[in-house]
Amino acid sequence: MLFRSMLAQADADRLQTIMFEVLDLVALGQLETVPQRVAEMDSLRIMFDARLTRAQIEGIKDLQARRGTLADTSREALTALGIWLVVGLIGLPVIWVIARQRIWQPLSRLEEGLARVAQGDLRVQLSVRRFDEVGRLASHFNSMTGILQQRAEEQGRFAAAGQLIAGVAHEVNNPLMAIAAMGETRLEDPALPPEQRAELRHIVRQARRAGRLLSGLLRFVRVDSSGLDSADLNRVCRDAVDLVSYRFGHEDITLDARYAVDLPYAKGDPARIEQVVVNLISNALDALQYVDSPRLVTINTYALDDQVCLAIEDNGPGISAELQRSLFHPFTSTKGKEGTGLGLYISRQIVRDLAGDLVFEAVGQGARFVISLPASTEAVEHQATQSPPQPLPRVATLKGLRVLVVDDEEGIRIPLAKFLGRRGAHTIQAVDGVDALDKLEHHEVDAILADLKMPRMDGVALYRALLENRPELADRVIFLTGDLAQMEEGPGADFDRRRVLIKPVKLADVEQSLQQFCVAPPADSPA
């Protein structure tokens, strides 16, 4: 086609050249050769027309062929498009159904399950129909809710035990207080035979020991803060050891406690730190069940730079390298089903909340955990200037002081009144708050010793009545209680906790409190 077009163009150029030659011959007057050139030009024109006609015919044929090809291609494209539209119309509902069944519905059930867990339903379980990604997600959710339900049941039992301990604390501490008070009162008799004196001292000592253990249990099961911002780690350790001391003898375990002398106070709440220490000591004692004697727990306190540290170590079986990597993760336990897997996790969180840290250190045998807390500068200064306690003189230190003793327990009220009388005080007794207010209508007093828990009107209600009607006397109230947690519902956060004595209290401590707050005008006021 292209070749023919080139030939037609060549003929046209030749025809044009001959025409110009004919015009030149006419202009020169050489007319004898003009007819020949005109004939030649006509021949070329006829040839040119024929070739042009053939080229047009072939061009039309080529155009028709291309149009046919385009039509065929268009039909094929329309057919393919129709087929894909039909497939799409049929396939999209199928894809939607599959996506709904395998993705949307399982995720909706998972969202619903999470909402039920957030509302407190830990028993929810999801059906696992396939073990694809969504199915594995549902399986992990079921495992999580199972663990949460198990831990919630355990925590519920612990909370119930704590409530039970708190409920009986007052009833247990009252007889302990009565035993100790009567024993101390009898010990002041100079005519008491030596053998009886020794027996009474032992009775008083055991009553106080039982009281300390009960008070420690109350501190441990109560999650409330003690309100203090510095702690003596040596004392915290001793209190924690008292709570678990019975296990050392029963399980043939030796305690090696090395408390640093002049140890700085640590920043932090003593009650929360004690919770951590009890947990670590208990873990050490549990680990020693799997080894033969000698079984040893070592406690060491020391200062390091600006940190106060406490290390607890045992010579048990130790902790595997694999478990060490997740030791402080939730639900990680070496005790199997017997452990909650939350002890170390919560302990580290408590210490870190106090700006410290709890770490595990590998030792040759056994396990070693170290608590580090920032030192309290104020506590260090107070500790350095504080003079050691001096024994109280056995003289009439409360001479002339008028004291109202309010307690429904006769075994506590009478020994207290007798002891204060020997110290020179004039005492009046009342069995509850109502009786105390009646006594105050007829007697003037300088101080009040009141139990917190009493029938009719307890110590809290008595204090509030005094705040309203006798505020100057409310500042001279000293409380006796078997459970410090009662103060949370008591007189209020502005009440000076130093005026709260935990039963069984030493009679000398009662005397000292009266001297501090009531013999002279109170130097402090509610915060």
Protein backbone atom coordinates (compact mmCIF):
# COMPACT_ATOMS: atom_id res chain seq x y z
CA MET A 1 0.00 0.00 0.00
CA LEU A 2 2.76 2.39 0.89
CA PHE A 3 4.68 1.42 -2.31
CA ARG A 4 1.68 2.21 -4.48
CA SER A 5 1.28 5.56 -2.83
CA MET A 6 4.93 6.35 -3.59
CA LEU A 7 4.44 5.42 -7.32
CA ALA A 8 1.36 7.60 -7.59
CA GLN A 9 3.27 10.50 -6.11
CA ALA A 10 6.13 9.94 -8.61
CA ASP A 11 3.67 9.95 -11.59
CA ALA A 12 2.12 13.17 -10.36
CA ASP A 13 5.54 14.82 -10.12
CA ARG A 14 6.43 13.65 -13.67
CA LEU A 15 3.11 14.90 -15.06
CA GLN A 16 3.71 18.29 -13.50
CA THR A 17 7.23 18.42 -15.01
CA ILE A 18 5.94 17.63 -18.58
CA MET A 19 3.23 20.29 -18.21
CA PHE A 20 5.83 22.91 -17.34
CA GLU A 21 7.95 21.76 -20.35
CA VAL A 22 4.95 22.16 -22.69
CA LEU A 23 4.39 25.67 -21.43
CA ASP A 24 8.07 26.47 -21.97
CA LEU A 25 7.93 25.09 -25.62
CA VAL A 26 4.86 27.21 -26.41
CA ALA A 27 6.60 30.24 -24.97
CA LEU A 28 9.69 29.54 -27.14
CA GLY A 29 7.64 28.95 -30.28
CA GLN A 30 8.70 25.34 -30.70
CA LEU A 31 5.23 24.14 -31.45
CA GLU A 32 6.23 21.07 -33.53
CA THR A 33 7.09 19.05 -30.36
CA VAL A 34 4.13 20.22 -28.31
CA PRO A 35 1.62 17.60 -29.56
CA GLN A 36 4.03 14.79 -28.67
CA ARG A 37 4.56 16.12 -25.16
CA VAL A 38 0.81 16.64 -24.70
CA ALA A 39 0.15 13.06 -25.78
CA GLU A 40 2.78 11.86 -23.33
CA MET A 41 1.16 13.98 -20.63
CA ASP A 42 -2.29 12.47 -21.39
CA SER A 43 -0.80 8.97 -21.16
CA LEU A 44 0.70 9.75 -17.78
CA ARG A 45 -2.58 11.28 -16.58
CA ILE A 46 -4.51 8.17 -17.59
CA MET A 47 -1.92 5.97 -15.80
CA PHE A 48 -2.03 8.27 -12.74
CA ASP A 49 -5.83 8.15 -12.60
CA ALA A 50 -5.78 4.35 -12.84
CA ARG A 51 -3.23 3.99 -10.08
CA LEU A 52 -5.08 6.51 -7.91
CA THR A 53 -8.32 4.61 -8.42
CA ARG A 54 -6.68 1.34 -7.47
CA ALA A 55 -5.10 2.99 -4.39
CA GLN A 56 -8.49 4.34 -3.31
CA ILE A 57 -10.11 0.94 -3.77
CA GLU A 58 -7.36 -0.78 -1.76
CA GLY A 59 -7.54 1.95 0.91
CA ILE A 60 -11.29 1.44 1.22
CA LYS A 61 -10.75 -2.32 1.48
CA ASP A 62 -8.06 -1.80 4.16
CA LEU A 63 -10.31 0.59 6.06
CA GLN A 64 -13.16 -1.90 5.89
CA ALA A 65 -10.84 -4.65 7.15
CA ARG A 66 -9.66 -2.48 10.04
CA ARG A 67 -13.27 -1.57 10.85
CA GLY A 68 -14.14 -5.25 10.90
CA THR A 69 -11.19 -6.00 13.17
CA LEU A 70 -12.23 -3.14 15.47
CA ALA A 71 -15.81 -4.41 15.50
CA ASP A 72 -14.62 -7.91 16.36
CA THR A 73 -12.39 -6.55 19.12
CA SER A 74 -15.23 -4.46 20.50
CA ARG A 75 -17.54 -7.44 20.50
CA GLU A 76 -14.91 -9.51 22.32
CA ALA A 77 -14.36 -6.73 24.88
CA LEU A 78 -18.10 -6.34 25.44
CA THR A 79 -18.42 -10.08 25.82
CA ALA A 80 -15.57 -10.22 28.37
CA LEU A 81 -17.04 -7.25 30.23
CA GLY A 82 -20.42 -8.92 30.33
CA ILE A 83 -18.88 -12.13 31.58
CA TRP A 84 -17.00 -10.27 34.35
CA LEU A 85 -20.13 -8.33 35.30
CA VAL A 86 -22.06 -11.57 35.58
CA VAL A 87 -19.24 -13.13 37.62
CA GLY A 88 -19.06 -10.02 39.81
CA LEU A 89 -22.80 -9.95 40.39
CA ILE A 90 -22.72 -13.60 41.35
CA GLY A 91 -19.36 -13.49 43.24
CA LEU A 92 -19.82 -10.37 45.35
CA PRO A 93 -22.66 -11.83 47.45
CA VAL A 94 -20.63 -15.00 47.88
CA ILE A 95 -17.60 -12.98 48.98
CA TRP A 96 -19.81 -10.91 51.33
CA VAL A 97 -21.27 -14.05 52.89
CA ILE A 98 -17.81 -15.58 53.38
CA ALA A 99 -16.39 -12.33 54.86
CA ARG A 100 -19.42 -12.01 57.14
CA GLN A 101 -19.14 -15.56 58.43
CA ARG A 102 -15.36 -15.69 58.82
CA ILE A 103 -14.44 -12.12 59.79
CA TRP A 104 -17.30 -9.78 60.64
CA GLN A 105 -19.39 -12.13 62.81
CA PRO A 106 -16.39 -13.49 64.83
CA LEU A 107 -15.09 -9.96 65.41
CA SER A 108 -18.58 -8.85 66.48
CA ARG A 109 -18.75 -11.75 68.95
CA LEU A 110 -15.28 -10.83 70.21
CA GLU A 111 -16.35 -7.19 70.69
CA GLU A 112 -19.47 -8.33 72.54
CA GLY A 113 -17.35 -10.61 74.74
CA LEU A 114 -14.97 -7.78 75.58
CA ALA A 115 -17.92 -5.56 76.49
CA ARG A 116 -19.24 -8.26 78.85
CA VAL A 117 -15.82 -8.61 80.45
CA ALA A 118 -15.69 -4.84 80.93
CA GLN A 119 -19.06 -5.12 82.70
CA GLY A 120 -17.64 -7.73 85.08
CA ASP A 121 -18.75 -11.01 83.44
CA LEU A 122 -15.61 -13.15 83.44
CA ARG A 123 -17.42 -16.38 82.52
CA VAL A 124 -17.97 -15.43 78.86
CA GLN A 125 -16.51 -17.86 76.30
CA LEU A 126 -16.45 -17.59 72.50
CA SER A 127 -17.09 -20.45 70.08
CA VAL A 128 -14.00 -21.42 68.07
CA ARG A 129 -15.12 -22.94 64.74
CA ARG A 130 -11.93 -22.53 62.74
CA PHE A 131 -8.29 -22.29 63.71
CA ASP A 132 -7.45 -19.38 61.41
CA GLU A 133 -6.25 -15.98 62.65
CA VAL A 134 -9.68 -14.96 63.96
CA GLY A 135 -10.21 -18.39 65.52
CA ARG A 136 -6.87 -18.21 67.34
CA LEU A 137 -7.84 -14.75 68.58
CA ALA A 138 -11.05 -16.18 70.05
CA SER A 139 -9.09 -19.04 71.61
CA HIS A 140 -6.71 -16.58 73.30
CA PHE A 141 -9.72 -14.60 74.54
CA ASN A 142 -11.18 -17.74 76.13
CA SER A 143 -7.86 -18.49 77.83
CA MET A 144 -7.67 -14.93 79.13
CA THR A 145 -11.19 -14.95 80.59
CA GLY A 146 -10.56 -18.37 82.15
CA ILE A 147 -7.45 -17.10 83.90
CA LEU A 148 -9.21 -13.90 84.96
CA GLN A 149 -12.12 -15.86 86.42
CA GLN A 150 -9.77 -18.14 88.34
CA ARG A 151 -7.79 -15.19 89.69
CA ALA A 152 -10.99 -13.32 90.57
CA GLU A 153 -12.23 -16.29 92.59
CA GLU A 154 -8.91 -16.46 94.42
CA GLN A 155 -8.91 -12.72 95.09
CA GLY A 156 -12.50 -13.00 96.28
CA ARG A 157 -11.47 -15.62 98.82
CA PHE A 158 -8.57 -13.42 99.92
CA ALA A 159 -10.89 -10.43 100.28
CA ALA A 160 -13.37 -12.52 102.28
CA ALA A 161 -10.54 -13.69 104.53
CA GLY A 162 -9.46 -10.08 105.00
CA GLN A 163 -12.98 -9.04 105.92
CA LEU A 164 -13.21 -11.94 108.36
CA ILE A 165 -9.92 -10.97 110.01
CA ALA A 166 -11.03 -7.35 110.24
CA GLY A 167 -14.37 -8.40 111.68
CA VAL A 168 -12.92 -10.48 114.51
CA ALA A 169 -9.93 -8.20 115.16
CA HIS A 170 -11.74 -6.14 117.75
CA GLU A 171 -13.13 -9.22 119.51
CA VAL A 172 -9.70 -10.87 119.63
CA ASN A 173 -7.74 -7.77 120.60
CA ASN A 174 -10.07 -6.92 123.46
CA PRO A 175 -9.34 -10.09 125.47
CA LEU A 176 -5.64 -9.76 124.60
CA MET A 177 -5.75 -6.20 125.89
CA ALA A 178 -7.54 -7.33 129.04
CA ILE A 179 -4.97 -10.09 129.68
CA ALA A 180 -2.02 -7.77 129.12
CA ALA A 181 -3.53 -4.91 131.17
CA MET A 182 -4.36 -7.10 134.15
CA GLY A 183 -0.95 -8.73 133.94
CA GLU A 184 0.84 -5.37 133.88
CA THR A 185 -1.28 -4.15 136.79
CA ARG A 186 -0.40 -7.18 138.86
CA LEU A 187 3.29 -6.83 137.99
CA GLU A 188 3.33 -3.45 139.75
CA ASP A 189 2.58 -5.17 143.06
CA PRO A 190 5.93 -5.24 144.91
CA ALA A 191 4.74 -8.15 147.06
CA LEU A 192 4.27 -10.43 144.07
CA PRO A 193 6.32 -13.67 144.47
CA PRO A 194 9.18 -14.06 141.96
CA GLU A 195 7.72 -17.21 140.40
CA GLN A 196 4.34 -15.55 139.76
CA ARG A 197 6.08 -12.42 138.48
CA ALA A 198 7.97 -14.50 135.92
CA GLU A 199 4.77 -16.25 134.84
CA LEU A 200 2.88 -12.97 134.51
CA ARG A 201 5.69 -11.46 132.45
CA HIS A 202 5.51 -14.44 130.13
CA ILE A 203 1.71 -14.07 129.87
CA VAL A 204 1.98 -10.36 129.08
CA ARG A 205 4.75 -11.01 126.54
CA GLN A 206 2.71 -13.67 124.73
CA ALA A 207 -0.41 -11.49 124.72
CA ARG A 208 1.56 -8.66 123.14
CA ARG A 209 3.09 -11.04 120.62
CA ALA A 210 -0.35 -12.29 119.61
CA GLY A 211 -1.50 -8.70 119.31
CA ARG A 212 1.43 -7.80 117.07
CA LEU A 213 0.71 -10.77 114.81
CA LEU A 214 -2.95 -9.83 114.52
CA SER A 215 -2.08 -6.19 113.85
CA GLY A 216 0.37 -7.32 111.18
CA LEU A 217 -2.30 -9.44 109.53
CA LEU A 218 -4.65 -6.47 109.53
CA ARG A 219 -2.00 -4.27 107.94
CA PHE A 220 -1.35 -6.87 105.28
CA VAL A 221 -4.95 -7.55 104.26
CA ARG A 222 -5.79 -3.84 104.23
CA VAL A 223 -4.72 -2.23 100.96
CA ASP A 224 -5.20 1.30 102.32
CA SER A 225 -2.18 3.51 102.67
CA SER A 226 -0.86 4.18 106.15
CA GLY A 227 -0.54 7.86 105.27
CA LEU A 228 3.22 7.87 105.97
CA ASP A 229 5.78 8.93 103.38
CA SER A 230 8.91 7.38 104.89
CA ALA A 231 9.71 3.92 106.19
CA ASP A 232 12.30 2.24 108.37
CA LEU A 233 13.20 -0.83 106.30
CA ASN A 234 14.62 -2.58 109.36
CA ARG A 235 11.32 -2.26 111.18
CA VAL A 236 9.35 -3.18 108.05
CA CYS A 237 11.43 -6.36 107.76
CA ARG A 238 10.91 -7.27 111.40
CA ASP A 239 7.16 -6.78 111.10
CA ALA A 240 7.06 -8.86 107.92
CA VAL A 241 9.09 -11.63 109.53
CA ASP A 242 6.69 -11.65 112.50
CA LEU A 243 3.82 -12.42 110.12
CA VAL A 244 5.47 -15.57 108.74
CA SER A 245 7.67 -16.46 111.72
CA TYR A 246 5.63 -19.60 112.50
CA ARG A 247 6.79 -21.19 109.24
CA PHE A 248 10.48 -21.03 110.13
CA GLY A 249 10.12 -23.43 113.03
CA HIS A 250 7.54 -25.71 111.42
CA GLU A 251 9.50 -26.13 108.19
CA ASP A 252 13.00 -26.27 109.70
CA ILE A 253 14.16 -23.05 108.02
CA THR A 254 16.90 -20.81 109.40
CA LEU A 255 16.61 -17.04 109.18
CA ASP A 256 19.78 -14.97 108.86
CA ALA A 257 18.71 -11.34 109.25
CA ARG A 258 21.40 -8.68 108.97
CA TYR A 259 19.95 -5.24 109.61
CA ALA A 260 22.23 -2.28 108.91
CA VAL A 261 22.93 0.05 111.81
CA ASP A 262 21.87 3.70 111.31
CA LEU A 263 20.08 2.75 108.12
CA PRO A 264 18.50 5.83 106.47
CA TYR A 265 14.75 5.89 106.16
CA ALA A 266 13.35 5.13 102.73
CA LYS A 267 10.77 7.16 100.86
CA GLY A 268 7.53 5.24 100.68
CA ASP A 269 4.53 3.92 102.57
CA PRO A 270 5.58 1.30 105.18
CA ALA A 271 2.34 -0.66 104.75
CA ARG A 272 2.83 -1.07 100.99
CA ILE A 273 6.52 -1.95 101.39
CA GLU A 274 5.63 -4.54 104.03
CA GLN A 275 3.22 -6.15 101.56
CA VAL A 276 6.08 -6.58 99.10
CA VAL A 277 8.49 -7.94 101.74
CA VAL A 278 5.93 -10.47 103.03
CA ASN A 279 5.37 -11.68 99.47
CA LEU A 280 9.10 -12.10 98.81
CA ILE A 281 9.73 -13.91 102.10
CA SER A 282 6.74 -16.18 101.47
CA ASN A 283 8.07 -16.99 97.99
CA ALA A 284 11.45 -17.88 99.50
CA LEU A 285 9.83 -20.14 102.10
CA ASP A 286 7.75 -21.86 99.41
CA ALA A 287 10.85 -22.48 97.29
CA LEU A 288 12.66 -24.13 100.21
CA GLN A 289 10.03 -26.87 100.38
CA TYR A 290 11.79 -28.55 97.46
CA VAL A 291 15.26 -28.80 99.00
CA ASP A 292 16.74 -30.72 101.92
CA SER A 293 18.23 -29.15 105.03
CA PRO A 294 19.95 -26.86 105.66
CA ARG A 295 17.31 -24.42 104.47
CA LEU A 296 18.28 -20.78 104.75
CA VAL A 297 16.63 -17.40 104.16
CA THR A 298 18.93 -14.37 104.32
CA ILE A 299 17.64 -10.83 104.76
CA ASN A 300 20.06 -7.96 104.37
CA THR A 301 19.46 -4.21 104.56
CA TYR A 302 22.02 -1.68 103.42
CA ALA A 303 22.48 1.79 101.95
CA LEU A 304 23.96 2.28 98.50
CA ASP A 305 24.60 5.85 97.33
CA ASP A 306 21.22 7.60 97.62
CA GLN A 307 19.31 4.31 97.75
CA VAL A 308 18.13 2.20 100.68
CA CYS A 309 18.16 -1.47 99.75
CA LEU A 310 16.71 -4.70 101.05
CA ALA A 311 17.85 -8.08 99.74
CA ILE A 312 16.03 -11.38 100.35
CA GLU A 313 17.83 -14.56 99.33
CA ASP A 314 17.18 -18.28 99.70
CA ASN A 315 19.18 -21.42 98.93
CA GLY A 316 16.31 -23.12 97.14
CA PRO A 317 16.25 -24.64 93.64
CA GLY A 318 16.51 -21.24 91.95
CA ILE A 319 14.68 -19.98 88.86
CA SER A 320 15.28 -21.32 85.36
CA ALA A 321 16.76 -19.03 82.72
CA GLU A 322 13.63 -19.43 80.59
CA LEU A 323 11.35 -18.33 83.43
CA GLN A 324 13.60 -15.42 84.40
CA ARG A 325 12.70 -13.61 81.16
CA SER A 326 9.01 -13.42 82.15
CA LEU A 327 9.44 -13.48 85.92
CA PHE A 328 7.70 -10.15 86.52
CA HIS A 329 4.97 -10.65 83.90
CA PRO A 330 1.37 -11.17 85.05
CA PHE A 331 0.28 -14.79 85.59
CA THR A 332 3.84 -16.12 85.64
CA SER A 333 4.24 -18.59 88.50
CA THR A 334 6.62 -21.33 89.58
CA LYS A 335 3.94 -22.84 91.84
CA GLY A 336 1.60 -24.17 89.17
CA LYS A 337 -2.08 -23.96 90.07
CA GLU A 338 -1.21 -23.11 93.67
CA GLY A 339 0.11 -19.69 92.69
CA THR A 340 -1.75 -16.69 91.31
CA GLY A 341 1.16 -15.54 89.16
CA LEU A 342 0.54 -11.96 90.29
CA GLY A 343 2.75 -11.64 93.38
CA LEU A 344 5.98 -10.50 91.75
CA TYR A 345 4.16 -8.43 89.14
CA ILE A 346 2.19 -6.50 91.79
CA SER A 347 5.25 -6.23 94.05
CA ARG A 348 7.33 -4.62 91.32
CA GLN A 349 4.49 -2.25 90.46
CA ILE A 350 4.22 -1.19 94.12
CA VAL A 351 7.96 -0.54 94.41
CA ARG A 352 8.08 1.36 91.12
CA ASP A 353 5.13 3.48 92.21
CA LEU A 354 7.34 4.49 95.14
CA ALA A 355 10.10 5.56 92.69
CA GLY A 356 12.16 2.45 93.43
CA ASP A 357 12.71 -0.90 91.74
CA LEU A 358 12.54 -4.63 92.42
CA VAL A 359 15.01 -6.84 90.54
CA PHE A 360 16.08 -10.46 90.44
CA GLU A 361 19.76 -11.26 90.77
CA ALA A 362 21.19 -14.59 89.76
CA VAL A 363 23.22 -16.33 92.46
CA GLY A 364 25.07 -19.59 92.60
CA GLN A 365 22.14 -21.39 94.17
CA GLY A 366 18.65 -20.23 95.00
CA ALA A 367 17.13 -16.84 94.24
CA ARG A 368 17.87 -13.30 95.34
CA PHE A 369 15.50 -10.33 95.06
CA VAL A 370 16.58 -6.78 95.81
CA ILE A 371 14.32 -3.86 96.65
CA SER A 372 15.85 -0.41 96.18
CA LEU A 373 14.10 2.77 97.29
CA PRO A 374 15.24 6.40 97.37
CA ALA A 375 16.47 7.56 100.76
CA SER A 376 14.35 10.04 102.69
CA THR A 377 16.47 13.02 103.73
CA GLU A 378 13.93 14.28 106.24
CA ALA A 379 13.70 10.88 107.87
CA VAL A 380 17.48 10.65 108.10
CA GLU A 381 17.69 13.99 109.88
CA HIS A 382 14.87 13.03 112.23
CA GLN A 383 16.51 9.70 112.94
CA ALA A 384 19.84 11.34 113.70
CA THR A 385 18.41 13.82 116.21
CA GLN A 386 15.90 11.53 117.87
CA SER A 387 16.93 10.47 121.35
CA PRO A 388 16.46 6.85 122.38
CA PRO A 389 13.32 6.15 124.42
CA GLN A 390 13.84 6.29 128.18
CA PRO A 391 12.01 4.03 130.63
CA LEU A 392 9.03 5.77 132.21
CA PRO A 393 9.42 6.54 135.92
CA ARG A 394 7.15 4.66 138.28
CA VAL A 395 5.86 7.83 139.96
CA ALA A 396 2.65 9.84 139.92
CA THR A 397 3.25 11.20 136.45
CA LEU A 398 -0.47 11.88 135.90
CA LYS A 399 -1.14 13.48 139.29
CA GLY A 400 -4.36 15.47 139.31
CA LEU A 401 -5.33 14.52 135.74
CA ARG A 402 -9.05 13.77 135.38
CA VAL A 403 -9.55 10.94 132.86
CA LEU A 404 -12.79 9.49 131.49
CA VAL A 405 -12.27 5.83 130.48
CA VAL A 406 -14.89 4.71 127.94
CA ASP A 407 -14.95 1.00 127.03
CA ASP A 408 -17.68 -1.62 127.00
CA GLU A 409 -15.19 -4.34 128.04
CA GLU A 410 -14.95 -4.45 131.82
CA GLY A 411 -11.75 -6.48 131.60
CA ILE A 412 -10.09 -3.52 129.85
CA ARG A 413 -11.82 -0.60 131.53
CA ILE A 414 -11.12 -1.61 135.13
CA PRO A 415 -7.37 -2.42 134.74
CA LEU A 416 -6.90 0.84 132.81
CA ALA A 417 -8.61 2.84 135.55
CA LYS A 418 -6.61 1.07 138.25
CA PHE A 419 -3.33 1.69 136.43
CA LEU A 420 -4.11 5.39 135.85
CA GLY A 421 -5.12 5.72 139.51
CA ARG A 422 -1.69 4.43 140.55
CA ARG A 423 -0.17 7.10 138.33
CA GLY A 424 -2.06 9.77 140.26
CA ALA A 425 -5.00 10.31 137.90
CA HIS A 426 -8.65 10.60 138.94
CA THR A 427 -10.70 8.27 136.73
CA ILE A 428 -14.35 8.06 135.76
CA GLN A 429 -15.67 5.02 133.89
CA ALA A 430 -18.31 4.79 131.14
CA VAL A 431 -19.53 1.76 129.22
CA ASP A 432 -20.24 3.51 125.88
CA GLY A 433 -20.62 6.90 124.22
CA VAL A 434 -24.07 7.56 125.59
CA ASP A 435 -22.90 6.87 129.14
CA ALA A 436 -19.81 9.04 128.52
CA LEU A 437 -21.89 12.06 127.44
CA ASP A 438 -24.05 11.61 130.53
CA LYS A 439 -20.96 11.51 132.75
CA LEU A 440 -19.66 14.68 131.10
CA GLU A 441 -22.87 16.48 132.12
CA HIS A 442 -21.93 15.99 135.77
CA HIS A 443 -18.11 15.79 135.76
CA GLU A 444 -15.30 17.88 134.35
CA VAL A 445 -12.48 15.88 132.76
CA ASP A 446 -9.11 16.70 131.26
CA ALA A 447 -8.80 13.70 128.93
CA ILE A 448 -10.85 10.86 127.44
CA LEU A 449 -9.71 7.31 126.66
CA ALA A 450 -12.34 5.87 124.31
CA ASP A 451 -12.71 2.59 122.48
CA LEU A 452 -13.73 2.96 118.85
CA LYS A 453 -16.16 0.03 118.70
CA MET A 454 -18.90 0.06 121.33
CA PRO A 455 -22.67 -0.58 121.46
CA ARG A 456 -25.26 2.21 121.33
CA MET A 457 -22.74 4.98 120.62
CA ASP A 458 -19.22 4.13 119.48
CA GLY A 459 -16.08 6.20 119.78
CA VAL A 460 -16.58 7.80 116.35
CA ALA A 461 -20.03 9.13 117.25
CA LEU A 462 -18.74 10.29 120.63
CA TYR A 463 -15.92 12.22 118.98
CA ARG A 464 -18.29 13.91 116.54
CA ALA A 465 -20.58 14.90 119.37
CA LEU A 466 -17.61 16.44 121.18
CA LEU A 467 -16.52 18.27 118.04
CA GLU A 468 -19.92 19.89 117.87
CA ASN A 469 -20.46 20.69 121.56
CA ARG A 470 -17.07 20.46 123.33
CA PRO A 471 -14.35 21.07 120.69
CA GLU A 472 -11.71 21.87 123.32
CA LEU A 473 -12.30 18.41 124.84
CA ALA A 474 -12.31 16.70 121.43
CA ASP A 475 -8.64 17.71 121.12
CA ARG A 476 -7.90 15.63 124.24
CA VAL A 477 -9.40 12.30 123.10
CA ILE A 478 -7.15 9.24 122.80
CA PHE A 479 -8.64 6.29 120.97
CA LEU A 480 -8.18 2.58 121.60
CA THR A 481 -8.96 0.21 118.73
CA GLY A 482 -8.39 -3.34 117.65
CA ASP A 483 -8.36 -2.38 113.97
CA LEU A 484 -6.73 0.77 112.61
CA ALA A 485 -8.94 0.50 109.52
CA GLN A 486 -11.86 1.65 111.65
CA MET A 487 -10.27 5.10 111.54
CA GLU A 488 -11.06 5.28 107.80
CA GLU A 489 -14.72 5.57 108.75
CA GLY A 490 -13.90 7.38 111.94
CA PRO A 491 -13.29 10.92 113.07
CA GLY A 492 -11.90 12.04 109.72
CA ALA A 493 -8.68 12.46 107.83
CA ASP A 494 -7.72 15.51 109.93
CA PHE A 495 -7.44 13.42 113.09
CA ASP A 496 -3.94 12.99 114.49
CA ARG A 497 -3.10 9.30 114.09
CA ARG A 498 -0.66 9.52 116.98
CA ARG A 499 -3.69 9.59 119.27
CA VAL A 500 -4.80 6.14 118.12
CA LEU A 501 -3.45 3.23 120.18
CA ILE A 502 -3.76 -0.25 118.72
CA LYS A 503 -4.84 -2.97 121.14
CA PRO A 504 -3.30 -4.72 122.95
CA VAL A 505 -1.46 -1.57 123.94
CA LYS A 506 1.13 -1.28 126.69
CA LEU A 507 -0.11 0.61 129.71
CA ALA A 508 3.10 2.63 129.56
CA ASP A 509 2.11 3.78 126.06
CA VAL A 510 -1.26 4.92 127.39
CA GLU A 511 0.53 6.85 130.11
CA GLN A 512 2.92 8.39 127.60
CA SER A 513 0.07 9.48 125.29
CA LEU A 514 -1.77 11.12 128.17
CA GLN A 515 1.41 12.94 129.15
CA GLN A 516 2.01 14.08 125.59
CA PHE A 517 -1.46 15.30 124.71
CA CYS A 518 -3.32 15.93 127.94
CA VAL A 519 -1.06 16.82 130.87
CA ALA A 520 -0.01 20.07 129.18
CA PRO A 521 -2.12 21.94 126.61
CA PRO A 522 -1.91 20.08 123.28
CA ALA A 523 0.90 21.45 121.16
CA ASP A 524 -0.59 20.10 117.94
CA SER A 525 -3.85 20.74 116.22
CA PRO A 526 -5.74 18.74 113.62
CA ALA A 527 -3.94 18.85 110.31
